[in-house]
Amino acid sequence: MLGWEAHGLLAENGPRMELGGRREATVDGCGGVLEYTETVVRIGYGRAVVKFSGERLRLHSLAAKSLILSGEIQKIEFLPPP
């Protein structure tokens, strides 16, 4: 059986996102916060933008190119760069 790596679904370098159900997202290698409200968070993600929509969204553990988002995540969109 082939793992995810063999299918090219996991990147070796670049941004990485891990979801903890619908309540938490950890993003490593992000390019900064572009928008932050309780219902929308947009972050730079490689050459694109990731938009999280939901309720009671909060950013935690803001470190250099790394963040943790919590709340009720209802939708995740990958958008072209601004």
PDB file of N, CA and C in Angstrom:
ATOM      1  N   MET A   1       0.850  -1.179   0.000  1.00  0.00           N
ATOM      2  CA  MET A   1       0.000   0.000   0.000  1.00  0.00           C
ATOM      3  C   MET A   1       0.894   1.240   0.000  1.00  0.00           C
ATOM      4  N   LEU A   2       0.580   2.200  -0.852  1.00  0.00           N
ATOM      5  CA  LEU A   2       1.358   3.430  -0.947  1.00  0.00           C
ATOM      6  C   LEU A   2       0.859   4.452   0.061  1.00  0.00           C
ATOM      7  N   GLY A   3       1.796   5.184   0.652  1.00  0.00           N
ATOM      8  CA  GLY A   3       1.424   6.241   1.609  1.00  0.00           C
ATOM      9  C   GLY A   3       1.082   7.528   0.887  1.00  0.00           C
ATOM     10  N   TRP A   4       0.661   8.513   1.653  1.00  0.00           N
ATOM     11  CA  TRP A   4       0.307   9.831   1.106  1.00  0.00           C
ATOM     12  C   TRP A   4       1.482  10.447   0.356  1.00  0.00           C
ATOM     13  N   GLU A   5       2.694  10.254   0.880  1.00  0.00           N
ATOM     14  CA  GLU A   5       3.876  10.851   0.266  1.00  0.00           C
ATOM     15  C   GLU A   5       4.061  10.355  -1.160  1.00  0.00           C
ATOM     16  N   ALA A   6       3.810   9.091  -1.403  1.00  0.00           N
ATOM     17  CA  ALA A   6       4.004   8.512  -2.728  1.00  0.00           C
ATOM     18  C   ALA A   6       3.045   9.115  -3.750  1.00  0.00           C
ATOM     19  N   HIS A   7       1.917   9.601  -3.308  1.00  0.00           N
ATOM     20  CA  HIS A   7       0.923  10.200  -4.192  1.00  0.00           C
ATOM     21  C   HIS A   7       1.132  11.705  -4.351  1.00  0.00           C
ATOM     22  N   GLY A   8       2.127  12.264  -3.677  1.00  0.00           N
ATOM     23  CA  GLY A   8       2.389  13.689  -3.790  1.00  0.00           C
ATOM     24  C   GLY A   8       1.389  14.554  -3.047  1.00  0.00           C
ATOM     25  N   LEU A   9       0.672  13.978  -2.103  1.00  0.00           N
ATOM     26  CA  LEU A   9      -0.345  14.732  -1.383  1.00  0.00           C
ATOM     27  C   LEU A   9       0.211  15.465  -0.175  1.00  0.00           C
ATOM     28  N   LEU A  10       1.397  15.108   0.269  1.00  0.00           N
ATOM     29  CA  LEU A  10       2.035  15.818   1.368  1.00  0.00           C
ATOM     30  C   LEU A  10       3.273  16.514   0.835  1.00  0.00           C
ATOM     31  N   ALA A  11       3.359  17.806   1.099  1.00  0.00           N
ATOM     32  CA  ALA A  11       4.510  18.572   0.625  1.00  0.00           C
ATOM     33  C   ALA A  11       5.670  18.417   1.595  1.00  0.00           C
ATOM     34  N   GLU A  12       6.852  18.312   1.047  1.00  0.00           N
ATOM     35  CA  GLU A  12       8.047  18.239   1.891  1.00  0.00           C
ATOM     36  C   GLU A  12       8.415  19.614   2.421  1.00  0.00           C
ATOM     37  N   ASN A  13       8.276  20.636   1.578  1.00  0.00           N
ATOM     38  CA  ASN A  13       8.601  22.008   1.947  1.00  0.00           C
ATOM     39  C   ASN A  13       7.386  22.886   1.713  1.00  0.00           C
ATOM     40  N   GLY A  14       7.426  24.077   2.242  1.00  0.00           N
ATOM     41  CA  GLY A  14       6.333  25.008   2.022  1.00  0.00           C
ATOM     42  C   GLY A  14       5.315  24.963   3.139  1.00  0.00           C
ATOM     43  N   PRO A  15       4.216  25.661   2.950  1.00  0.00           N
ATOM     44  CA  PRO A  15       3.200  25.751   3.998  1.00  0.00           C
ATOM     45  C   PRO A  15       2.555  24.401   4.295  1.00  0.00           C
ATOM     46  N   ARG A  16       2.095  24.265   5.519  1.00  0.00           N
ATOM     47  CA  ARG A  16       1.455  23.019   5.951  1.00  0.00           C
ATOM     48  C   ARG A  16       0.309  23.372   6.882  1.00  0.00           C
ATOM     49  N   MET A  17      -0.828  22.706   6.695  1.00  0.00           N
ATOM     50  CA  MET A  17      -2.003  22.959   7.524  1.00  0.00           C
ATOM     51  C   MET A  17      -2.473  21.643   8.130  1.00  0.00           C
ATOM     52  N   GLU A  18      -2.828  21.709   9.406  1.00  0.00           N
ATOM     53  CA  GLU A  18      -3.355  20.532  10.093  1.00  0.00           C
ATOM     54  C   GLU A  18      -4.660  20.935  10.760  1.00  0.00           C
ATOM     55  N   LEU A  19      -5.703  20.146  10.526  1.00  0.00           N
ATOM     56  CA  LEU A  19      -7.007  20.444  11.105  1.00  0.00           C
ATOM     57  C   LEU A  19      -7.291  19.530  12.282  1.00  0.00           C
ATOM     58  N   GLY A  20      -7.835  20.107  13.330  1.00  0.00           N
ATOM     59  CA  GLY A  20      -8.299  19.349  14.487  1.00  0.00           C
ATOM     60  C   GLY A  20      -9.814  19.385  14.487  1.00  0.00           C
ATOM     61  N   GLY A  21     -10.411  18.601  13.596  1.00  0.00           N
ATOM     62  CA  GLY A  21     -11.863  18.635  13.436  1.00  0.00           C
ATOM     63  C   GLY A  21     -12.286  19.967  12.846  1.00  0.00           C
ATOM     64  N   ARG A  22     -13.428  20.463  13.293  1.00  0.00           N
ATOM     65  CA  ARG A  22     -13.933  21.762  12.824  1.00  0.00           C
ATOM     66  C   ARG A  22     -13.642  22.867  13.831  1.00  0.00           C
ATOM     67  N   ARG A  23     -12.829  22.572  14.845  1.00  0.00           N
ATOM     68  CA  ARG A  23     -12.596  23.528  15.926  1.00  0.00           C
ATOM     69  C   ARG A  23     -11.218  24.168  15.933  1.00  0.00           C
ATOM     70  N   GLU A  24     -10.244  23.599  15.191  1.00  0.00           N
ATOM     71  CA  GLU A  24      -8.892  24.145  15.264  1.00  0.00           C
ATOM     72  C   GLU A  24      -8.123  23.866  13.978  1.00  0.00           C
ATOM     73  N   ALA A  25      -7.331  24.856  13.560  1.00  0.00           N
ATOM     74  CA  ALA A  25      -6.427  24.691  12.416  1.00  0.00           C
ATOM     75  C   ALA A  25      -5.063  25.222  12.826  1.00  0.00           C
ATOM     76  N   THR A  26      -4.026  24.453  12.548  1.00  0.00           N
ATOM     77  CA  THR A  26      -2.650  24.877  12.777  1.00  0.00           C
ATOM     78  C   THR A  26      -2.012  25.080  11.414  1.00  0.00           C
ATOM     79  N   VAL A  27      -1.424  26.257  11.203  1.00  0.00           N
ATOM     80  CA  VAL A  27      -0.811  26.580   9.911  1.00  0.00           C
ATOM     81  C   VAL A  27       0.646  26.930  10.150  1.00  0.00           C
ATOM     82  N   ASP A  28       1.533  26.192   9.519  1.00  0.00           N
ATOM     83  CA  ASP A  28       2.972  26.455   9.580  1.00  0.00           C
ATOM     84  C   ASP A  28       3.421  26.938   8.205  1.00  0.00           C
ATOM     85  N   GLY A  29       4.286  27.921   8.185  1.00  0.00           N
ATOM     86  CA  GLY A  29       4.797  28.452   6.923  1.00  0.00           C
ATOM     87  C   GLY A  29       3.873  29.460   6.278  1.00  0.00           C
ATOM     88  N   CYS A  30       2.987  30.077   7.068  1.00  0.00           N
ATOM     89  CA  CYS A  30       2.058  31.046   6.495  1.00  0.00           C
ATOM     90  C   CYS A  30       2.767  32.373   6.207  1.00  0.00           C
ATOM     91  N   GLY A  31       2.168  33.151   5.332  1.00  0.00           N
ATOM     92  CA  GLY A  31       2.769  34.416   4.920  1.00  0.00           C
ATOM     93  C   GLY A  31       2.175  35.625   5.597  1.00  0.00           C
ATOM     94  N   GLY A  32       1.532  35.445   6.745  1.00  0.00           N
ATOM     95  CA  GLY A  32       0.990  36.574   7.481  1.00  0.00           C
ATOM     96  C   GLY A  32      -0.524  36.635   7.436  1.00  0.00           C
ATOM     97  N   VAL A  33      -1.080  37.393   8.367  1.00  0.00           N
ATOM     98  CA  VAL A  33      -2.527  37.557   8.487  1.00  0.00           C
ATOM     99  C   VAL A  33      -2.949  38.747   7.618  1.00  0.00           C
ATOM    100  N   LEU A  34      -3.884  38.516   6.704  1.00  0.00           N
ATOM    101  CA  LEU A  34      -4.364  39.555   5.798  1.00  0.00           C
ATOM    102  C   LEU A  34      -5.672  40.167   6.268  1.00  0.00           C
ATOM    103  N   GLU A  35      -6.481  39.382   6.969  1.00  0.00           N
ATOM    104  CA  GLU A  35      -7.772  39.853   7.494  1.00  0.00           C
ATOM    105  C   GLU A  35      -8.098  39.030   8.728  1.00  0.00           C
ATOM    106  N   TYR A  36      -8.653  39.692   9.747  1.00  0.00           N
ATOM    107  CA  TYR A  36      -8.960  38.973  10.987  1.00  0.00           C
ATOM    108  C   TYR A  36     -10.184  39.584  11.647  1.00  0.00           C
ATOM    109  N   THR A  37     -11.301  38.849  11.606  1.00  0.00           N
ATOM    110  CA  THR A  37     -12.508  39.212  12.344  1.00  0.00           C
ATOM    111  C   THR A  37     -12.998  37.953  13.050  1.00  0.00           C
ATOM    112  N   GLU A  38     -14.100  38.051  13.779  1.00  0.00           N
ATOM    113  CA  GLU A  38     -14.646  36.869  14.452  1.00  0.00           C
ATOM    114  C   GLU A  38     -15.285  35.886  13.474  1.00  0.00           C
ATOM    115  N   THR A  39     -15.524  36.323  12.229  1.00  0.00           N
ATOM    116  CA  THR A  39     -16.184  35.443  11.264  1.00  0.00           C
ATOM    117  C   THR A  39     -15.314  35.104  10.048  1.00  0.00           C
ATOM    118  N   VAL A  40     -14.238  35.861   9.804  1.00  0.00           N
ATOM    119  CA  VAL A  40     -13.368  35.619   8.642  1.00  0.00           C
ATOM    120  C   VAL A  40     -11.906  35.825   9.035  1.00  0.00           C
ATOM    121  N   VAL A  41     -11.063  34.874   8.628  1.00  0.00           N
ATOM    122  CA  VAL A  41      -9.608  35.019   8.766  1.00  0.00           C
ATOM    123  C   VAL A  41      -8.998  34.650   7.423  1.00  0.00           C
ATOM    124  N   ARG A  42      -8.209  35.576   6.858  1.00  0.00           N
ATOM    125  CA  ARG A  42      -7.487  35.304   5.614  1.00  0.00           C
ATOM    126  C   ARG A  42      -5.999  35.380   5.901  1.00  0.00           C
ATOM    127  N   ILE A  43      -5.267  34.371   5.426  1.00  0.00           N
ATOM    128  CA  ILE A  43      -3.813  34.353   5.632  1.00  0.00           C
ATOM    129  C   ILE A  43      -3.107  34.045   4.314  1.00  0.00           C
ATOM    130  N   GLY A  44      -1.886  34.560   4.186  1.00  0.00           N
ATOM    131  CA  GLY A  44      -1.052  34.193   3.055  1.00  0.00           C
ATOM    132  C   GLY A  44      -0.622  32.747   3.224  1.00  0.00           C
ATOM    133  N   TYR A  45      -0.657  32.002   2.127  1.00  0.00           N
ATOM    134  CA  TYR A  45      -0.357  30.568   2.188  1.00  0.00           C
ATOM    135  C   TYR A  45       0.387  30.195   0.917  1.00  0.00           C
ATOM    136  N   GLY A  46       1.709  30.271   0.964  1.00  0.00           N
ATOM    137  CA  GLY A  46       2.500  30.039  -0.239  1.00  0.00           C
ATOM    138  C   GLY A  46       2.206  31.136  -1.246  1.00  0.00           C
ATOM    139  N   ARG A  47       1.824  30.743  -2.453  1.00  0.00           N
ATOM    140  CA  ARG A  47       1.487  31.709  -3.501  1.00  0.00           C
ATOM    141  C   ARG A  47       0.006  32.026  -3.528  1.00  0.00           C
ATOM    142  N   ALA A  48      -0.731  31.558  -2.558  1.00  0.00           N
ATOM    143  CA  ALA A  48      -2.183  31.756  -2.525  1.00  0.00           C
ATOM    144  C   ALA A  48      -2.599  32.375  -1.189  1.00  0.00           C
ATOM    145  N   VAL A  49      -3.897  32.414  -1.003  1.00  0.00           N
ATOM    146  CA  VAL A  49      -4.501  32.912   0.237  1.00  0.00           C
ATOM    147  C   VAL A  49      -5.483  31.847   0.721  1.00  0.00           C
ATOM    148  N   VAL A  50      -5.496  31.592   2.022  1.00  0.00           N
ATOM    149  CA  VAL A  50      -6.490  30.695   2.611  1.00  0.00           C
ATOM    150  C   VAL A  50      -7.465  31.550   3.409  1.00  0.00           C
ATOM    151  N   LYS A  51      -8.749  31.333   3.152  1.00  0.00           N
ATOM    152  CA  LYS A  51      -9.806  32.064   3.856  1.00  0.00           C
ATOM    153  C   LYS A  51     -10.594  31.082   4.713  1.00  0.00           C
ATOM    154  N   PHE A  52     -10.610  31.336   6.015  1.00  0.00           N
ATOM    155  CA  PHE A  52     -11.410  30.554   6.959  1.00  0.00           C
ATOM    156  C   PHE A  52     -12.655  31.369   7.281  1.00  0.00           C
ATOM    157  N   SER A  53     -13.815  30.741   7.200  1.00  0.00           N
ATOM    158  CA  SER A  53     -15.067  31.382   7.585  1.00  0.00           C
ATOM    159  C   SER A  53     -15.687  30.567   8.699  1.00  0.00           C
ATOM    160  N   GLY A  54     -16.336  31.262   9.638  1.00  0.00           N
ATOM    161  CA  GLY A  54     -16.965  30.557  10.745  1.00  0.00           C
ATOM    162  C   GLY A  54     -17.485  31.518  11.786  1.00  0.00           C
ATOM    163  N   GLU A  55     -17.531  31.055  13.011  1.00  0.00           N
ATOM    164  CA  GLU A  55     -18.014  31.856  14.130  1.00  0.00           C
ATOM    165  C   GLU A  55     -17.025  31.777  15.281  1.00  0.00           C
ATOM    166  N   ARG A  56     -16.901  32.868  15.998  1.00  0.00           N
ATOM    167  CA  ARG A  56     -16.011  32.960  17.167  1.00  0.00           C
ATOM    168  C   ARG A  56     -14.570  32.549  16.827  1.00  0.00           C
ATOM    169  N   LEU A  57     -14.091  32.970  15.654  1.00  0.00           N
ATOM    170  CA  LEU A  57     -12.732  32.630  15.238  1.00  0.00           C
ATOM    171  C   LEU A  57     -11.725  33.458  16.041  1.00  0.00           C
ATOM    172  N   ARG A  58     -10.681  32.802  16.511  1.00  0.00           N
ATOM    173  CA  ARG A  58      -9.630  33.463  17.293  1.00  0.00           C
ATOM    174  C   ARG A  58      -8.274  32.932  16.867  1.00  0.00           C
ATOM    175  N   LEU A  59      -7.304  33.834  16.817  1.00  0.00           N
ATOM    176  CA  LEU A  59      -5.931  33.435  16.530  1.00  0.00           C
ATOM    177  C   LEU A  59      -5.166  33.278  17.831  1.00  0.00           C
ATOM    178  N   HIS A  60      -4.389  32.214  17.912  1.00  0.00           N
ATOM    179  CA  HIS A  60      -3.569  31.918  19.086  1.00  0.00           C
ATOM    180  C   HIS A  60      -2.151  31.642  18.623  1.00  0.00           C
ATOM    181  N   SER A  61      -1.235  31.734  19.516  1.00  0.00           N
ATOM    182  CA  SER A  61       0.134  31.288  19.280  1.00  0.00           C
ATOM    183  C   SER A  61       0.696  31.821  17.971  1.00  0.00           C
ATOM    184  N   LEU A  62       0.586  33.138  17.792  1.00  0.00           N
ATOM    185  CA  LEU A  62       1.158  33.764  16.603  1.00  0.00           C
ATOM    186  C   LEU A  62       2.670  33.798  16.743  1.00  0.00           C
ATOM    187  N   ALA A  63       3.329  33.015  15.951  1.00  0.00           N
ATOM    188  CA  ALA A  63       4.794  32.985  15.934  1.00  0.00           C
ATOM    189  C   ALA A  63       5.244  33.295  14.514  1.00  0.00           C
ATOM    190  N   ALA A  64       6.520  33.402  14.310  1.00  0.00           N
ATOM    191  CA  ALA A  64       7.031  33.666  12.972  1.00  0.00           C
ATOM    192  C   ALA A  64       6.558  32.574  12.016  1.00  0.00           C
ATOM    193  N   LYS A  65       5.696  32.941  11.088  1.00  0.00           N
ATOM    194  CA  LYS A  65       5.192  32.042  10.049  1.00  0.00           C
ATOM    195  C   LYS A  65       4.413  30.839  10.578  1.00  0.00           C
ATOM    196  N   SER A  66       3.818  30.972  11.746  1.00  0.00           N
ATOM    197  CA  SER A  66       3.046  29.880  12.316  1.00  0.00           C
ATOM    198  C   SER A  66       1.898  30.457  13.139  1.00  0.00           C
ATOM    199  N   LEU A  67       0.730  29.807  13.078  1.00  0.00           N
ATOM    200  CA  LEU A  67      -0.400  30.267  13.888  1.00  0.00           C
ATOM    201  C   LEU A  67      -1.353  29.119  14.161  1.00  0.00           C
ATOM    202  N   ILE A  68      -2.184  29.337  15.169  1.00  0.00           N
ATOM    203  CA  ILE A  68      -3.254  28.406  15.505  1.00  0.00           C
ATOM    204  C   ILE A  68      -4.552  29.189  15.487  1.00  0.00           C
ATOM    205  N   LEU A  69      -5.536  28.683  14.753  1.00  0.00           N
ATOM    206  CA  LEU A  69      -6.859  29.294  14.652  1.00  0.00           C
ATOM    207  C   LEU A  69      -7.853  28.382  15.348  1.00  0.00           C
ATOM    208  N   SER A  70      -8.693  28.968  16.202  1.00  0.00           N
ATOM    209  CA  SER A  70      -9.721  28.159  16.858  1.00  0.00           C
ATOM    210  C   SER A  70     -11.072  28.831  16.683  1.00  0.00           C
ATOM    211  N   GLY A  71     -12.110  28.094  16.952  1.00  0.00           N
ATOM    212  CA  GLY A  71     -13.479  28.561  16.818  1.00  0.00           C
ATOM    213  C   GLY A  71     -14.283  27.521  16.071  1.00  0.00           C
ATOM    214  N   GLU A  72     -15.435  27.931  15.568  1.00  0.00           N
ATOM    215  CA  GLU A  72     -16.271  27.028  14.782  1.00  0.00           C
ATOM    216  C   GLU A  72     -15.963  27.277  13.300  1.00  0.00           C
ATOM    217  N   ILE A  73     -15.069  26.473  12.736  1.00  0.00           N
ATOM    218  CA  ILE A  73     -14.661  26.634  11.343  1.00  0.00           C
ATOM    219  C   ILE A  73     -15.724  25.982  10.462  1.00  0.00           C
ATOM    220  N   GLN A  74     -16.365  26.800   9.631  1.00  0.00           N
ATOM    221  CA  GLN A  74     -17.434  26.302   8.782  1.00  0.00           C
ATOM    222  C   GLN A  74     -17.010  26.089   7.335  1.00  0.00           C
ATOM    223  N   LYS A  75     -16.002  26.861   6.892  1.00  0.00           N
ATOM    224  CA  LYS A  75     -15.587  26.749   5.498  1.00  0.00           C
ATOM    225  C   LYS A  75     -14.125  27.173   5.364  1.00  0.00           C
ATOM    226  N   ILE A  76     -13.384  26.470   4.490  1.00  0.00           N
ATOM    227  CA  ILE A  76     -12.003  26.817   4.166  1.00  0.00           C
ATOM    228  C   ILE A  76     -11.930  26.954   2.646  1.00  0.00           C
ATOM    229  N   GLU A  77     -11.420  28.122   2.185  1.00  0.00           N
ATOM    230  CA  GLU A  77     -11.290  28.362   0.749  1.00  0.00           C
ATOM    231  C   GLU A  77      -9.839  28.670   0.412  1.00  0.00           C
ATOM    232  N   PHE A  78      -9.400  28.184  -0.732  1.00  0.00           N
ATOM    233  CA  PHE A  78      -8.077  28.509  -1.255  1.00  0.00           C
ATOM    234  C   PHE A  78      -8.289  29.484  -2.405  1.00  0.00           C
ATOM    235  N   LEU A  79      -7.766  30.693  -2.250  1.00  0.00           N
ATOM    236  CA  LEU A  79      -7.988  31.780  -3.190  1.00  0.00           C
ATOM    237  C   LEU A  79      -6.692  32.167  -3.890  1.00  0.00           C
ATOM    238  N   PRO A  80      -6.803  32.784  -5.081  1.00  0.00           N
ATOM    239  CA  PRO A  80      -5.589  33.283  -5.740  1.00  0.00           C
ATOM    240  C   PRO A  80      -4.994  34.424  -4.932  1.00  0.00           C
ATOM    241  N   PRO A  81      -3.715  34.729  -5.155  1.00  0.00           N
ATOM    242  CA  PRO A  81      -3.081  35.825  -4.397  1.00  0.00           C
ATOM    243  C   PRO A  81      -3.756  37.151  -4.696  1.00  0.00           C
ATOM    244  N   PRO A  82      -3.678  38.092  -3.735  1.00  0.00           N
ATOM    245  CA  PRO A  82      -4.331  39.403  -3.930  1.00  0.00           C
ATOM    246  C   PRO A  82      -3.655  40.216  -5.022  1.00  0.00           C
TER     247      PRO A  82
END
